[in-house]
Amino acid sequence: MSNYSNDVPGNWFEDPILRGVPGTGNDAVGDDNPLGWQVDALCSQTDPEAFFPEKGGSTRDAKRICAQCTVRTECLDFALENDERFGIWGGLSERERRKYRRRG
């Protein structure tokens, strides 16, 4: 038998802003932080597994979220600049990003 308690301690949550986690808080926005756009990314507020489906899995849910996202362009630019090979970025799958690169 386990001695673990099912009670969650009152201090279980540590605020990433107060802890100074990079990409959060006041340093996350503005021209000084090239990743500041991620603060406004809708994908950061949803299940990340939707954006990294298994091979042959549906990308529909992720693309629906991307279509409503205000930082979709920044996200796609990031993926292209960093040669992201997995996941949905800026509303495009890996295959779609490869085609986009060839056209551009």
PDB file of N, CA and C in Angstrom:
ATOM      1  N   MET A   1       0.818  -1.191   0.000  1.00  0.00           N
ATOM      2  CA  MET A   1       0.000   0.000   0.000  1.00  0.00           C
ATOM      3  C   MET A   1       0.856   1.246   0.000  1.00  0.00           C
ATOM      4  N   SER A   2       0.408   2.216  -0.714  1.00  0.00           N
ATOM      5  CA  SER A   2       1.144   3.468  -0.828  1.00  0.00           C
ATOM      6  C   SER A   2       0.807   4.417   0.319  1.00  0.00           C
ATOM      7  N   ASN A   3       1.771   5.198   0.721  1.00  0.00           N
ATOM      8  CA  ASN A   3       1.557   6.213   1.747  1.00  0.00           C
ATOM      9  C   ASN A   3       1.267   7.584   1.157  1.00  0.00           C
ATOM     10  N   TYR A   4       1.094   7.667  -0.160  1.00  0.00           N
ATOM     11  CA  TYR A   4       0.851   8.947  -0.807  1.00  0.00           C
ATOM     12  C   TYR A   4      -0.537   9.466  -0.478  1.00  0.00           C
ATOM     13  N   SER A   5      -0.622  10.750  -0.252  1.00  0.00           N
ATOM     14  CA  SER A   5      -1.900  11.391   0.032  1.00  0.00           C
ATOM     15  C   SER A   5      -2.525  11.883  -1.268  1.00  0.00           C
ATOM     16  N   ASN A   6      -3.808  11.840  -1.349  1.00  0.00           N
ATOM     17  CA  ASN A   6      -4.510  12.351  -2.516  1.00  0.00           C
ATOM     18  C   ASN A   6      -4.717  13.862  -2.443  1.00  0.00           C
ATOM     19  N   ASP A   7      -4.343  14.461  -1.329  1.00  0.00           N
ATOM     20  CA  ASP A   7      -4.501  15.898  -1.171  1.00  0.00           C
ATOM     21  C   ASP A   7      -3.423  16.635  -1.956  1.00  0.00           C
ATOM     22  N   VAL A   8      -3.842  17.695  -2.617  1.00  0.00           N
ATOM     23  CA  VAL A   8      -2.911  18.539  -3.350  1.00  0.00           C
ATOM     24  C   VAL A   8      -2.468  19.648  -2.418  1.00  0.00           C
ATOM     25  N   PRO A   9      -1.172  19.865  -2.259  1.00  0.00           N
ATOM     26  CA  PRO A   9      -0.720  20.927  -1.365  1.00  0.00           C
ATOM     27  C   PRO A   9      -1.172  22.292  -1.855  1.00  0.00           C
ATOM     28  N   GLY A  10      -1.394  23.196  -0.935  1.00  0.00           N
ATOM     29  CA  GLY A  10      -1.871  24.531  -1.278  1.00  0.00           C
ATOM     30  C   GLY A  10      -0.900  25.328  -2.110  1.00  0.00           C
ATOM     31  N   ASN A  11       0.377  24.984  -2.076  1.00  0.00           N
ATOM     32  CA  ASN A  11       1.379  25.738  -2.823  1.00  0.00           C
ATOM     33  C   ASN A  11       1.870  24.975  -4.058  1.00  0.00           C
ATOM     34  N   TRP A  12       1.034  24.167  -4.657  1.00  0.00           N
ATOM     35  CA  TRP A  12       1.447  23.331  -5.784  1.00  0.00           C
ATOM     36  C   TRP A  12       1.792  24.141  -7.014  1.00  0.00           C
ATOM     37  N   PHE A  13       1.208  25.335  -7.157  1.00  0.00           N
ATOM     38  CA  PHE A  13       1.415  26.137  -8.354  1.00  0.00           C
ATOM     39  C   PHE A  13       2.493  27.189  -8.114  1.00  0.00           C
ATOM     40  N   GLU A  14       3.443  27.250  -9.028  1.00  0.00           N
ATOM     41  CA  GLU A  14       4.453  28.301  -8.974  1.00  0.00           C
ATOM     42  C   GLU A  14       4.283  29.147 -10.227  1.00  0.00           C
ATOM     43  N   ASP A  15       4.024  30.412 -10.035  1.00  0.00           N
ATOM     44  CA  ASP A  15       3.796  31.330 -11.137  1.00  0.00           C
ATOM     45  C   ASP A  15       5.085  31.508 -11.941  1.00  0.00           C
ATOM     46  N   PRO A  16       5.059  31.166 -13.249  1.00  0.00           N
ATOM     47  CA  PRO A  16       6.287  31.286 -14.053  1.00  0.00           C
ATOM     48  C   PRO A  16       6.765  32.723 -14.175  1.00  0.00           C
ATOM     49  N   ILE A  17       5.863  33.679 -14.106  1.00  0.00           N
ATOM     50  CA  ILE A  17       6.263  35.080 -14.190  1.00  0.00           C
ATOM     51  C   ILE A  17       7.059  35.471 -12.954  1.00  0.00           C
ATOM     52  N   LEU A  18       6.551  35.079 -11.773  1.00  0.00           N
ATOM     53  CA  LEU A  18       7.263  35.391 -10.541  1.00  0.00           C
ATOM     54  C   LEU A  18       8.597  34.661 -10.455  1.00  0.00           C
ATOM     55  N   ARG A  19       8.674  33.483 -11.055  1.00  0.00           N
ATOM     56  CA  ARG A  19       9.920  32.703 -11.033  1.00  0.00           C
ATOM     57  C   ARG A  19      10.914  33.212 -12.067  1.00  0.00           C
ATOM     58  N   GLY A  20      10.471  34.104 -12.968  1.00  0.00           N
ATOM     59  CA  GLY A  20      11.376  34.655 -13.970  1.00  0.00           C
ATOM     60  C   GLY A  20      11.678  33.711 -15.111  1.00  0.00           C
ATOM     61  N   VAL A  21      10.732  32.843 -15.445  1.00  0.00           N
ATOM     62  CA  VAL A  21      10.918  31.914 -16.545  1.00  0.00           C
ATOM     63  C   VAL A  21      11.016  32.714 -17.845  1.00  0.00           C
ATOM     64  N   PRO A  22      12.047  32.469 -18.660  1.00  0.00           N
ATOM     65  CA  PRO A  22      12.189  33.204 -19.917  1.00  0.00           C
ATOM     66  C   PRO A  22      10.948  33.047 -20.788  1.00  0.00           C
ATOM     67  N   GLY A  23      10.576  34.128 -21.458  1.00  0.00           N
ATOM     68  CA  GLY A  23       9.407  34.090 -22.332  1.00  0.00           C
ATOM     69  C   GLY A  23       8.119  34.401 -21.615  1.00  0.00           C
ATOM     70  N   THR A  24       8.194  34.799 -20.351  1.00  0.00           N
ATOM     71  CA  THR A  24       6.993  35.150 -19.602  1.00  0.00           C
ATOM     72  C   THR A  24       7.160  36.538 -19.014  1.00  0.00           C
ATOM     73  N   GLY A  25       6.076  37.131 -18.645  1.00  0.00           N
ATOM     74  CA  GLY A  25       6.131  38.430 -17.980  1.00  0.00           C
ATOM     75  C   GLY A  25       6.453  39.561 -18.917  1.00  0.00           C
ATOM     76  N   ASN A  26       6.918  40.665 -18.354  1.00  0.00           N
ATOM     77  CA  ASN A  26       7.167  41.869 -19.125  1.00  0.00           C
ATOM     78  C   ASN A  26       8.256  41.702 -20.173  1.00  0.00           C
ATOM     79  N   ASP A  27       9.190  40.776 -19.946  1.00  0.00           N
ATOM     80  CA  ASP A  27      10.248  40.585 -20.931  1.00  0.00           C
ATOM     81  C   ASP A  27       9.788  39.754 -22.124  1.00  0.00           C
ATOM     82  N   ALA A  28       8.547  39.268 -22.096  1.00  0.00           N
ATOM     83  CA  ALA A  28       8.059  38.395 -23.161  1.00  0.00           C
ATOM     84  C   ALA A  28       7.492  39.166 -24.336  1.00  0.00           C
ATOM     85  N   VAL A  29       7.197  40.417 -24.145  1.00  0.00           N
ATOM     86  CA  VAL A  29       6.589  41.191 -25.218  1.00  0.00           C
ATOM     87  C   VAL A  29       7.507  42.322 -25.626  1.00  0.00           C
ATOM     88  N   GLY A  30       7.271  42.810 -26.817  1.00  0.00           N
ATOM     89  CA  GLY A  30       8.058  43.928 -27.300  1.00  0.00           C
ATOM     90  C   GLY A  30       9.112  43.493 -28.293  1.00  0.00           C
ATOM     91  N   ASP A  31       9.809  44.479 -28.813  1.00  0.00           N
ATOM     92  CA  ASP A  31      10.801  44.244 -29.857  1.00  0.00           C
ATOM     93  C   ASP A  31      12.059  43.572 -29.341  1.00  0.00           C
ATOM     94  N   ASP A  32      12.301  43.635 -28.046  1.00  0.00           N
ATOM     95  CA  ASP A  32      13.528  43.084 -27.491  1.00  0.00           C
ATOM     96  C   ASP A  32      13.539  41.559 -27.462  1.00  0.00           C
ATOM     97  N   ASN A  33      12.380  40.938 -27.441  1.00  0.00           N
ATOM     98  CA  ASN A  33      12.296  39.484 -27.351  1.00  0.00           C
ATOM     99  C   ASN A  33      11.755  38.933 -28.663  1.00  0.00           C
ATOM    100  N   PRO A  34      12.599  38.235 -29.437  1.00  0.00           N
ATOM    101  CA  PRO A  34      12.142  37.698 -30.720  1.00  0.00           C
ATOM    102  C   PRO A  34      11.061  36.631 -30.586  1.00  0.00           C
ATOM    103  N   LEU A  35      10.886  36.071 -29.383  1.00  0.00           N
ATOM    104  CA  LEU A  35       9.853  35.060 -29.169  1.00  0.00           C
ATOM    105  C   LEU A  35       8.649  35.628 -28.420  1.00  0.00           C
ATOM    106  N   GLY A  36       8.587  36.936 -28.280  1.00  0.00           N
ATOM    107  CA  GLY A  36       7.491  37.578 -27.563  1.00  0.00           C
ATOM    108  C   GLY A  36       6.124  37.245 -28.135  1.00  0.00           C
ATOM    109  N   TRP A  37       6.062  36.952 -29.421  1.00  0.00           N
ATOM    110  CA  TRP A  37       4.790  36.607 -30.054  1.00  0.00           C
ATOM    111  C   TRP A  37       4.154  35.366 -29.426  1.00  0.00           C
ATOM    112  N   GLN A  38       4.965  34.491 -28.834  1.00  0.00           N
ATOM    113  CA  GLN A  38       4.442  33.243 -28.277  1.00  0.00           C
ATOM    114  C   GLN A  38       3.467  33.477 -27.126  1.00  0.00           C
ATOM    115  N   VAL A  39       3.572  34.620 -26.473  1.00  0.00           N
ATOM    116  CA  VAL A  39       2.654  34.939 -25.381  1.00  0.00           C
ATOM    117  C   VAL A  39       1.212  34.974 -25.893  1.00  0.00           C
ATOM    118  N   ASP A  40       1.029  35.436 -27.119  1.00  0.00           N
ATOM    119  CA  ASP A  40      -0.309  35.561 -27.699  1.00  0.00           C
ATOM    120  C   ASP A  40      -0.736  34.351 -28.525  1.00  0.00           C
ATOM    121  N   ALA A  41       0.111  33.348 -28.621  1.00  0.00           N
ATOM    122  CA  ALA A  41      -0.201  32.171 -29.438  1.00  0.00           C
ATOM    123  C   ALA A  41      -1.325  31.349 -28.809  1.00  0.00           C
ATOM    124  N   LEU A  42      -2.365  31.084 -29.579  1.00  0.00           N
ATOM    125  CA  LEU A  42      -3.486  30.288 -29.077  1.00  0.00           C
ATOM    126  C   LEU A  42      -3.070  28.860 -28.735  1.00  0.00           C
ATOM    127  N   CYS A  43      -2.074  28.338 -29.431  1.00  0.00           N
ATOM    128  CA  CYS A  43      -1.640  26.963 -29.160  1.00  0.00           C
ATOM    129  C   CYS A  43      -1.061  26.818 -27.766  1.00  0.00           C
ATOM    130  N   SER A  44      -0.557  27.900 -27.206  1.00  0.00           N
ATOM    131  CA  SER A  44       0.004  27.815 -25.860  1.00  0.00           C
ATOM    132  C   SER A  44      -1.078  27.692 -24.802  1.00  0.00           C
ATOM    133  N   GLN A  45      -2.321  27.870 -25.218  1.00  0.00           N
ATOM    134  CA  GLN A  45      -3.450  27.792 -24.305  1.00  0.00           C
ATOM    135  C   GLN A  45      -4.272  26.521 -24.527  1.00  0.00           C
ATOM    136  N   THR A  46      -3.776  25.615 -25.365  1.00  0.00           N
ATOM    137  CA  THR A  46      -4.521  24.401 -25.705  1.00  0.00           C
ATOM    138  C   THR A  46      -3.623  23.180 -25.549  1.00  0.00           C
ATOM    139  N   ASP A  47      -4.173  22.040 -25.877  1.00  0.00           N
ATOM    140  CA  ASP A  47      -3.457  20.772 -25.783  1.00  0.00           C
ATOM    141  C   ASP A  47      -2.361  20.707 -26.848  1.00  0.00           C
ATOM    142  N   PRO A  48      -1.092  20.640 -26.464  1.00  0.00           N
ATOM    143  CA  PRO A  48      -0.011  20.621 -27.453  1.00  0.00           C
ATOM    144  C   PRO A  48      -0.023  19.385 -28.351  1.00  0.00           C
ATOM    145  N   GLU A  49      -0.636  18.317 -27.888  1.00  0.00           N
ATOM    146  CA  GLU A  49      -0.668  17.102 -28.701  1.00  0.00           C
ATOM    147  C   GLU A  49      -1.425  17.297 -30.004  1.00  0.00           C
ATOM    148  N   ALA A  50      -2.365  18.232 -30.036  1.00  0.00           N
ATOM    149  CA  ALA A  50      -3.111  18.516 -31.269  1.00  0.00           C
ATOM    150  C   ALA A  50      -2.177  19.045 -32.349  1.00  0.00           C
ATOM    151  N   PHE A  51      -1.087  19.698 -31.953  1.00  0.00           N
ATOM    152  CA  PHE A  51      -0.167  20.306 -32.902  1.00  0.00           C
ATOM    153  C   PHE A  51       0.968  19.375 -33.314  1.00  0.00           C
ATOM    154  N   PHE A  52       1.027  18.222 -32.690  1.00  0.00           N
ATOM    155  CA  PHE A  52       2.038  17.224 -33.016  1.00  0.00           C
ATOM    156  C   PHE A  52       1.372  15.855 -33.137  1.00  0.00           C
ATOM    157  N   PRO A  53       0.480  15.713 -34.150  1.00  0.00           N
ATOM    158  CA  PRO A  53      -0.233  14.437 -34.292  1.00  0.00           C
ATOM    159  C   PRO A  53       0.711  13.332 -34.756  1.00  0.00           C
ATOM    160  N   GLU A  54       0.332  12.113 -34.426  1.00  0.00           N
ATOM    161  CA  GLU A  54       1.116  10.976 -34.893  1.00  0.00           C
ATOM    162  C   GLU A  54       0.989  10.885 -36.407  1.00  0.00           C
ATOM    163  N   LYS A  55       1.929  10.229 -37.037  1.00  0.00           N
ATOM    164  CA  LYS A  55       1.929  10.103 -38.493  1.00  0.00           C
ATOM    165  C   LYS A  55       0.577   9.576 -38.960  1.00  0.00           C
ATOM    166  N   GLY A  56      -0.020  10.296 -39.895  1.00  0.00           N
ATOM    167  CA  GLY A  56      -1.328   9.923 -40.414  1.00  0.00           C
ATOM    168  C   GLY A  56      -2.481  10.467 -39.592  1.00  0.00           C
ATOM    169  N   GLY A  57      -2.174  11.097 -38.443  1.00  0.00           N
ATOM    170  CA  GLY A  57      -3.208  11.664 -37.577  1.00  0.00           C
ATOM    171  C   GLY A  57      -3.774  12.949 -38.164  1.00  0.00           C
ATOM    172  N   SER A  58      -4.909  13.330 -37.665  1.00  0.00           N
ATOM    173  CA  SER A  58      -5.595  14.523 -38.151  1.00  0.00           C
ATOM    174  C   SER A  58      -4.914  15.799 -37.679  1.00  0.00           C
ATOM    175  N   THR A  59      -4.853  16.768 -38.576  1.00  0.00           N
ATOM    176  CA  THR A  59      -4.323  18.091 -38.258  1.00  0.00           C
ATOM    177  C   THR A  59      -5.442  19.128 -38.207  1.00  0.00           C
ATOM    178  N   ARG A  60      -6.655  18.676 -38.379  1.00  0.00           N
ATOM    179  CA  ARG A  60      -7.810  19.567 -38.496  1.00  0.00           C
ATOM    180  C   ARG A  60      -7.984  20.484 -37.281  1.00  0.00           C
ATOM    181  N   ASP A  61      -7.931  19.929 -36.072  1.00  0.00           N
ATOM    182  CA  ASP A  61      -8.134  20.747 -34.871  1.00  0.00           C
ATOM    183  C   ASP A  61      -7.056  21.810 -34.725  1.00  0.00           C
ATOM    184  N   ALA A  62      -5.812  21.424 -34.954  1.00  0.00           N
ATOM    185  CA  ALA A  62      -4.709  22.380 -34.837  1.00  0.00           C
ATOM    186  C   ALA A  62      -4.857  23.499 -35.866  1.00  0.00           C
ATOM    187  N   LYS A  63      -5.191  23.145 -37.083  1.00  0.00           N
ATOM    188  CA  LYS A  63      -5.326  24.156 -38.141  1.00  0.00           C
ATOM    189  C   LYS A  63      -6.505  25.085 -37.875  1.00  0.00           C
ATOM    190  N   ARG A  64      -7.545  24.569 -37.262  1.00  0.00           N
ATOM    191  CA  ARG A  64      -8.690  25.403 -36.902  1.00  0.00           C
ATOM    192  C   ARG A  64      -8.277  26.451 -35.855  1.00  0.00           C
ATOM    193  N   ILE A  65      -7.467  26.040 -34.908  1.00  0.00           N
ATOM    194  CA  ILE A  65      -6.966  26.965 -33.889  1.00  0.00           C
ATOM    195  C   ILE A  65      -6.037  27.988 -34.543  1.00  0.00           C
ATOM    196  N   CYS A  66      -5.141  27.533 -35.392  1.00  0.00           N
ATOM    197  CA  CYS A  66      -4.204  28.431 -36.075  1.00  0.00           C
ATOM    198  C   CYS A  66      -4.941  29.478 -36.904  1.00  0.00           C
ATOM    199  N   ALA A  67      -6.029  29.089 -37.525  1.00  0.00           N
ATOM    200  CA  ALA A  67      -6.772  30.016 -38.386  1.00  0.00           C
ATOM    201  C   ALA A  67      -7.300  31.217 -37.607  1.00  0.00           C
ATOM    202  N   GLN A  68      -7.508  31.061 -36.313  1.00  0.00           N
ATOM    203  CA  GLN A  68      -8.028  32.148 -35.475  1.00  0.00           C
ATOM    204  C   GLN A  68      -6.925  32.892 -34.727  1.00  0.00           C
ATOM    205  N   CYS A  69      -5.697  32.441 -34.849  1.00  0.00           N
ATOM    206  CA  CYS A  69      -4.594  32.981 -34.053  1.00  0.00           C
ATOM    207  C   CYS A  69      -4.058  34.285 -34.650  1.00  0.00           C
ATOM    208  N   THR A  70      -3.820  35.260 -33.786  1.00  0.00           N
ATOM    209  CA  THR A  70      -3.343  36.570 -34.235  1.00  0.00           C
ATOM    210  C   THR A  70      -1.851  36.588 -34.551  1.00  0.00           C
ATOM    211  N   VAL A  71      -1.114  35.564 -34.137  1.00  0.00           N
ATOM    212  CA  VAL A  71       0.333  35.532 -34.387  1.00  0.00           C
ATOM    213  C   VAL A  71       0.706  34.394 -35.339  1.00  0.00           C
ATOM    214  N   ARG A  72      -0.214  34.025 -36.181  1.00  0.00           N
ATOM    215  CA  ARG A  72       0.007  32.926 -37.123  1.00  0.00           C
ATOM    216  C   ARG A  72       1.200  33.195 -38.044  1.00  0.00           C
ATOM    217  N   THR A  73       1.315  34.410 -38.536  1.00  0.00           N
ATOM    218  CA  THR A  73       2.416  34.754 -39.437  1.00  0.00           C
ATOM    219  C   THR A  73       3.759  34.637 -38.736  1.00  0.00           C
ATOM    220  N   GLU A  74       3.850  35.158 -37.513  1.00  0.00           N
ATOM    221  CA  GLU A  74       5.085  35.072 -36.746  1.00  0.00           C
ATOM    222  C   GLU A  74       5.467  33.624 -36.472  1.00  0.00           C
ATOM    223  N   CYS A  75       4.467  32.811 -36.188  1.00  0.00           N
ATOM    224  CA  CYS A  75       4.677  31.392 -35.913  1.00  0.00           C
ATOM    225  C   CYS A  75       5.230  30.684 -37.154  1.00  0.00           C
ATOM    226  N   LEU A  76       4.622  30.943 -38.303  1.00  0.00           N
ATOM    227  CA  LEU A  76       5.094  30.321 -39.541  1.00  0.00           C
ATOM    228  C   LEU A  76       6.504  30.792 -39.870  1.00  0.00           C
ATOM    229  N   ASP A  77       6.755  32.082 -39.720  1.00  0.00           N
ATOM    230  CA  ASP A  77       8.107  32.604 -39.974  1.00  0.00           C
ATOM    231  C   ASP A  77       9.129  31.917 -39.078  1.00  0.00           C
ATOM    232  N   PHE A  78       8.788  31.748 -37.801  1.00  0.00           N
ATOM    233  CA  PHE A  78       9.683  31.072 -36.859  1.00  0.00           C
ATOM    234  C   PHE A  78       9.979  29.651 -37.328  1.00  0.00           C
ATOM    235  N   ALA A  79       8.942  28.928 -37.718  1.00  0.00           N
ATOM    236  CA  ALA A  79       9.115  27.537 -38.153  1.00  0.00           C
ATOM    237  C   ALA A  79       9.993  27.455 -39.395  1.00  0.00           C
ATOM    238  N   LEU A  80       9.794  28.363 -40.325  1.00  0.00           N
ATOM    239  CA  LEU A  80      10.590  28.353 -41.551  1.00  0.00           C
ATOM    240  C   LEU A  80      12.040  28.740 -41.275  1.00  0.00           C
ATOM    241  N   GLU A  81      12.245  29.749 -40.451  1.00  0.00           N
ATOM    242  CA  GLU A  81      13.603  30.202 -40.125  1.00  0.00           C
ATOM    243  C   GLU A  81      14.381  29.154 -39.333  1.00  0.00           C
ATOM    244  N   ASN A  82      13.681  28.361 -38.537  1.00  0.00           N
ATOM    245  CA  ASN A  82      14.329  27.373 -37.678  1.00  0.00           C
ATOM    246  C   ASN A  82      14.212  25.946 -38.201  1.00  0.00           C
ATOM    247  N   ASP A  83      13.726  25.817 -39.421  1.00  0.00           N
ATOM    248  CA  ASP A  83      13.599  24.517 -40.080  1.00  0.00           C
ATOM    249  C   ASP A  83      12.900  23.488 -39.192  1.00  0.00           C
ATOM    250  N   GLU A  84      11.771  23.904 -38.607  1.00  0.00           N
ATOM    251  CA  GLU A  84      10.980  22.983 -37.777  1.00  0.00           C
ATOM    252  C   GLU A  84      10.468  21.859 -38.667  1.00  0.00           C
ATOM    253  N   ARG A  85      10.741  20.653 -38.282  1.00  0.00           N
ATOM    254  CA  ARG A  85      10.367  19.503 -39.113  1.00  0.00           C
ATOM    255  C   ARG A  85       9.166  18.741 -38.591  1.00  0.00           C
ATOM    256  N   PHE A  86       8.685  19.110 -37.421  1.00  0.00           N
ATOM    257  CA  PHE A  86       7.571  18.385 -36.838  1.00  0.00           C
ATOM    258  C   PHE A  86       6.495  19.360 -36.401  1.00  0.00           C
ATOM    259  N   GLY A  87       5.266  18.918 -36.466  1.00  0.00           N
ATOM    260  CA  GLY A  87       4.154  19.682 -35.922  1.00  0.00           C
ATOM    261  C   GLY A  87       3.538  20.684 -36.874  1.00  0.00           C
ATOM    262  N   ILE A  88       2.469  21.276 -36.379  1.00  0.00           N
ATOM    263  CA  ILE A  88       1.744  22.312 -37.106  1.00  0.00           C
ATOM    264  C   ILE A  88       2.263  23.648 -36.596  1.00  0.00           C
ATOM    265  N   TRP A  89       2.744  24.466 -37.500  1.00  0.00           N
ATOM    266  CA  TRP A  89       3.258  25.795 -37.169  1.00  0.00           C
ATOM    267  C   TRP A  89       2.650  26.786 -38.142  1.00  0.00           C
ATOM    268  N   GLY A  90       2.043  27.840 -37.638  1.00  0.00           N
ATOM    269  CA  GLY A  90       1.448  28.848 -38.514  1.00  0.00           C
ATOM    270  C   GLY A  90       0.361  28.293 -39.405  1.00  0.00           C
ATOM    271  N   GLY A  91      -0.252  27.206 -38.981  1.00  0.00           N
ATOM    272  CA  GLY A  91      -1.340  26.608 -39.744  1.00  0.00           C
ATOM    273  C   GLY A  91      -0.905  25.639 -40.824  1.00  0.00           C
ATOM    274  N   LEU A  92       0.387  25.365 -40.922  1.00  0.00           N
ATOM    275  CA  LEU A  92       0.879  24.457 -41.959  1.00  0.00           C
ATOM    276  C   LEU A  92       1.556  23.235 -41.345  1.00  0.00           C
ATOM    277  N   SER A  93       1.359  22.106 -41.985  1.00  0.00           N
ATOM    278  CA  SER A  93       2.015  20.863 -41.569  1.00  0.00           C
ATOM    279  C   SER A  93       3.442  20.846 -42.106  1.00  0.00           C
ATOM    280  N   GLU A  94       4.198  19.829 -41.727  1.00  0.00           N
ATOM    281  CA  GLU A  94       5.570  19.702 -42.219  1.00  0.00           C
ATOM    282  C   GLU A  94       5.599  19.681 -43.744  1.00  0.00           C
ATOM    283  N   ARG A  95       4.742  18.874 -44.330  1.00  0.00           N
ATOM    284  CA  ARG A  95       4.684  18.742 -45.795  1.00  0.00           C
ATOM    285  C   ARG A  95       4.306  20.067 -46.445  1.00  0.00           C
ATOM    286  N   GLU A  96       3.330  20.741 -45.872  1.00  0.00           N
ATOM    287  CA  GLU A  96       2.903  22.024 -46.426  1.00  0.00           C
ATOM    288  C   GLU A  96       4.001  23.077 -46.322  1.00  0.00           C
ATOM    289  N   ARG A  97       4.784  23.052 -45.253  1.00  0.00           N
ATOM    290  CA  ARG A  97       5.900  23.991 -45.123  1.00  0.00           C
ATOM    291  C   ARG A  97       6.979  23.709 -46.157  1.00  0.00           C
ATOM    292  N   ARG A  98       7.234  22.439 -46.440  1.00  0.00           N
ATOM    293  CA  ARG A  98       8.223  22.108 -47.480  1.00  0.00           C
ATOM    294  C   ARG A  98       7.777  22.654 -48.828  1.00  0.00           C
ATOM    295  N   LYS A  99       6.503  22.468 -49.160  1.00  0.00           N
ATOM    296  CA  LYS A  99       5.973  23.000 -50.426  1.00  0.00           C
ATOM    297  C   LYS A  99       6.045  24.515 -50.458  1.00  0.00           C
ATOM    298  N   TYR A 100       5.734  25.143 -49.335  1.00  0.00           N
ATOM    299  CA  TYR A 100       5.774  26.599 -49.232  1.00  0.00           C
ATOM    300  C   TYR A 100       7.197  27.110 -49.484  1.00  0.00           C
ATOM    301  N   ARG A 101       8.192  26.424 -48.931  1.00  0.00           N
ATOM    302  CA  ARG A 101       9.592  26.812 -49.122  1.00  0.00           C
ATOM    303  C   ARG A 101       9.987  26.710 -50.591  1.00  0.00           C
ATOM    304  N   ARG A 102       9.554  25.634 -51.249  1.00  0.00           N
ATOM    305  CA  ARG A 102       9.923  25.424 -52.657  1.00  0.00           C
ATOM    306  C   ARG A 102       9.314  26.499 -53.552  1.00  0.00           C
ATOM    307  N   ARG A 103       8.095  26.933 -53.209  1.00  0.00           N
ATOM    308  CA  ARG A 103       7.428  27.973 -54.013  1.00  0.00           C
ATOM    309  C   ARG A 103       8.091  29.328 -53.826  1.00  0.00           C
ATOM    310  N   GLY A 104       8.578  29.578 -52.573  1.00  0.00           N
ATOM    311  CA  GLY A 104       9.114  30.895 -52.221  1.00  0.00           C
ATOM    312  C   GLY A 104      10.492  31.046 -52.671  1.00  0.00           C
TER     313      GLY A 104
END
